[in-house]
């Protein structure tokens, strides 16, 4: 799906540095453990990173719901203008893209 609403922007945003997973996972030097132990270590590092990212996604979705739905994007009904409509539509496009990625 082509990105919409983000002129001049190509592809997904870069990973935050603290979430970037590096090759080798920072474990022991190669050759200092068996292949099976190495596989288990890499698998565990990937699992830990995945669980951390899923937790961050959950927190971000909760924050979006609180601001966008419960707080109406911080706009009172008396102050709504077409710019607010555009912002809400842009958020909807981004959420639709996220839902597609998630298989929803």
C-alpha atoms as a PDB file:
ATOM      1  CA  UNK A   1       0.000   0.000   0.000  1.00  0.00           C
ATOM      2  CA  UNK A   2       1.396   3.379  -0.953  1.00  0.00           C
ATOM      3  CA  UNK A   3       1.790   5.860   1.852  1.00  0.00           C
ATOM      4  CA  UNK A   4      -0.689   8.683   1.666  1.00  0.00           C
ATOM      5  CA  UNK A   5      -0.812  11.910   3.560  1.00  0.00           C
ATOM      6  CA  UNK A   6       2.973  12.116   3.981  1.00  0.00           C
ATOM      7  CA  UNK A   7       4.308  14.045   0.961  1.00  0.00           C
ATOM      8  CA  UNK A   8       7.845  13.137  -0.014  1.00  0.00           C
ATOM      9  CA  UNK A   9       8.117  10.318   2.491  1.00  0.00           C
ATOM     10  CA  UNK A  10       9.021   6.857   1.295  1.00  0.00           C
ATOM     11  CA  UNK A  11       8.704   3.643   3.302  1.00  0.00           C
ATOM     12  CA  UNK A  12       8.196   3.141   7.008  1.00  0.00           C
ATOM     13  CA  UNK A  13       9.886   5.360   9.580  1.00  0.00           C
ATOM     14  CA  UNK A  14      13.277   4.166  10.865  1.00  0.00           C
ATOM     15  CA  UNK A  15      13.400   2.062  14.004  1.00  0.00           C
ATOM     16  CA  UNK A  16      14.111   3.899  17.200  1.00  0.00           C
ATOM     17  CA  UNK A  17      17.758   3.261  18.158  1.00  0.00           C
ATOM     18  CA  UNK A  18      16.830   1.556  21.429  1.00  0.00           C
ATOM     19  CA  UNK A  19      14.701  -0.974  19.513  1.00  0.00           C
ATOM     20  CA  UNK A  20      17.225  -1.754  16.781  1.00  0.00           C
ATOM     21  CA  UNK A  21      18.302  -5.387  16.882  1.00  0.00           C
ATOM     22  CA  UNK A  22      21.906  -5.939  15.859  1.00  0.00           C
ATOM     23  CA  UNK A  23      23.413  -9.073  14.359  1.00  0.00           C
ATOM     24  CA  UNK A  24      24.672 -11.513  16.943  1.00  0.00           C
ATOM     25  CA  UNK A  25      22.424 -10.184  19.676  1.00  0.00           C
ATOM     26  CA  UNK A  26      25.385  -9.124  21.831  1.00  0.00           C
ATOM     27  CA  UNK A  27      25.976 -12.661  23.076  1.00  0.00           C
ATOM     28  CA  UNK A  28      29.199 -14.624  23.573  1.00  0.00           C
ATOM     29  CA  UNK A  29      31.830 -14.672  20.853  1.00  0.00           C
ATOM     30  CA  UNK A  30      31.249 -17.179  18.036  1.00  0.00           C
ATOM     31  CA  UNK A  31      32.710 -20.570  18.782  1.00  0.00           C
ATOM     32  CA  UNK A  32      32.365 -20.217  22.555  1.00  0.00           C
ATOM     33  CA  UNK A  33      29.078 -22.117  22.608  1.00  0.00           C
ATOM     34  CA  UNK A  34      27.433 -24.934  20.656  1.00  0.00           C
ATOM     35  CA  UNK A  35      25.210 -24.285  17.648  1.00  0.00           C
ATOM     36  CA  UNK A  36      22.150 -25.356  19.615  1.00  0.00           C
ATOM     37  CA  UNK A  37      23.014 -22.988  22.473  1.00  0.00           C
ATOM     38  CA  UNK A  38      23.666 -20.199  19.967  1.00  0.00           C
ATOM     39  CA  UNK A  39      20.331 -20.794  18.267  1.00  0.00           C
ATOM     40  CA  UNK A  40      18.500 -20.765  21.605  1.00  0.00           C
ATOM     41  CA  UNK A  41      20.296 -17.554  22.632  1.00  0.00           C
ATOM     42  CA  UNK A  42      19.425 -15.784  19.369  1.00  0.00           C
ATOM     43  CA  UNK A  43      15.851 -17.068  19.546  1.00  0.00           C
ATOM     44  CA  UNK A  44      15.501 -15.785  23.117  1.00  0.00           C
ATOM     45  CA  UNK A  45      16.941 -12.379  22.159  1.00  0.00           C
ATOM     46  CA  UNK A  46      14.454 -12.139  19.281  1.00  0.00           C
ATOM     47  CA  UNK A  47      11.608 -13.235  21.562  1.00  0.00           C
ATOM     48  CA  UNK A  48      12.529 -10.658  24.190  1.00  0.00           C
ATOM     49  CA  UNK A  49      12.740  -7.911  21.560  1.00  0.00           C
ATOM     50  CA  UNK A  50       9.423  -8.965  20.010  1.00  0.00           C
ATOM     51  CA  UNK A  51       7.630  -9.002  23.374  1.00  0.00           C
ATOM     52  CA  UNK A  52       9.029  -5.542  24.152  1.00  0.00           C
ATOM     53  CA  UNK A  53       7.827  -4.153  20.813  1.00  0.00           C
ATOM     54  CA  UNK A  54       4.358  -5.690  21.258  1.00  0.00           C
ATOM     55  CA  UNK A  55       4.132  -4.078  24.721  1.00  0.00           C
ATOM     56  CA  UNK A  56       5.085  -0.717  23.207  1.00  0.00           C
ATOM     57  CA  UNK A  57       2.448  -1.148  20.485  1.00  0.00           C
ATOM     58  CA  UNK A  58      -0.162  -1.857  23.156  1.00  0.00           C
ATOM     59  CA  UNK A  59       0.810   1.245  25.127  1.00  0.00           C
ATOM     60  CA  UNK A  60       0.784   3.391  21.986  1.00  0.00           C
ATOM     61  CA  UNK A  61      -2.692   2.110  20.994  1.00  0.00           C
ATOM     62  CA  UNK A  62      -3.992   2.879  24.497  1.00  0.00           C
ATOM     63  CA  UNK A  63      -2.584   6.418  24.252  1.00  0.00           C
ATOM     64  CA  UNK A  64      -4.100   6.918  20.784  1.00  0.00           C
ATOM     65  CA  UNK A  65      -7.488   5.730  22.011  1.00  0.00           C
ATOM     66  CA  UNK A  66      -7.321   8.029  25.025  1.00  0.00           C
ATOM     67  CA  UNK A  67      -6.429  11.079  22.929  1.00  0.00           C
ATOM     68  CA  UNK A  68      -8.325  10.409  19.695  1.00  0.00           C
ATOM     69  CA  UNK A  69     -11.509   8.774  20.961  1.00  0.00           C
ATOM     70  CA  UNK A  70     -11.939   9.682  24.616  1.00  0.00           C
ATOM     71  CA  UNK A  71     -10.550  13.228  24.266  1.00  0.00           C
ATOM     72  CA  UNK A  72     -11.697  13.896  20.649  1.00  0.00           C
ATOM     73  CA  UNK A  73      -8.102  14.719  19.640  1.00  0.00           C
ATOM     74  CA  UNK A  74      -8.147  17.518  22.202  1.00  0.00           C
ATOM     75  CA  UNK A  75     -10.701  19.563  20.247  1.00  0.00           C
ATOM     76  CA  UNK A  76     -13.918  20.763  21.839  1.00  0.00           C
ATOM     77  CA  UNK A  77     -17.049  20.375  19.681  1.00  0.00           C
ATOM     78  CA  UNK A  78     -17.450  24.163  19.539  1.00  0.00           C
ATOM     79  CA  UNK A  79     -13.931  24.638  18.142  1.00  0.00           C
ATOM     80  CA  UNK A  80     -13.934  22.034  15.312  1.00  0.00           C
ATOM     81  CA  UNK A  81     -12.693  23.360  11.954  1.00  0.00           C
ATOM     82  CA  UNK A  82     -11.701  21.782   8.627  1.00  0.00           C
ATOM     83  CA  UNK A  83      -8.099  21.481   9.775  1.00  0.00           C
ATOM     84  CA  UNK A  84      -9.302  19.229  12.601  1.00  0.00           C
ATOM     85  CA  UNK A  85     -11.221  17.144  10.064  1.00  0.00           C
ATOM     86  CA  UNK A  86      -8.051  16.777   7.977  1.00  0.00           C
ATOM     87  CA  UNK A  87      -6.044  15.732  11.028  1.00  0.00           C
ATOM     88  CA  UNK A  88      -8.653  13.127  11.960  1.00  0.00           C
ATOM     89  CA  UNK A  89      -8.750  11.823   8.375  1.00  0.00           C
ATOM     90  CA  UNK A  90      -4.953  11.568   8.293  1.00  0.00           C
ATOM     91  CA  UNK A  91      -4.997   9.614  11.556  1.00  0.00           C
ATOM     92  CA  UNK A  92      -7.608   7.296  10.052  1.00  0.00           C
ATOM     93  CA  UNK A  93      -5.401   6.659   6.990  1.00  0.00           C
ATOM     94  CA  UNK A  94      -2.393   5.870   9.195  1.00  0.00           C
ATOM     95  CA  UNK A  95      -4.493   3.563  11.393  1.00  0.00           C
ATOM     96  CA  UNK A  96      -5.870   1.798   8.292  1.00  0.00           C
ATOM     97  CA  UNK A  97      -2.297   1.166   7.152  1.00  0.00           C
ATOM     98  CA  UNK A  98      -1.386  -0.175  10.603  1.00  0.00           C
ATOM     99  CA  UNK A  99      -4.482  -2.405  10.582  1.00  0.00           C
ATOM    100  CA  UNK A 100      -3.478  -3.773   7.176  1.00  0.00           C
ATOM    101  CA  UNK A 101       0.017  -4.569   8.458  1.00  0.00           C
ATOM    102  CA  UNK A 102      -1.508  -6.296  11.480  1.00  0.00           C
ATOM    103  CA  UNK A 103      -3.835  -8.322   9.256  1.00  0.00           C
ATOM    104  CA  UNK A 104      -7.008  -6.709  10.548  1.00  0.00           C
END
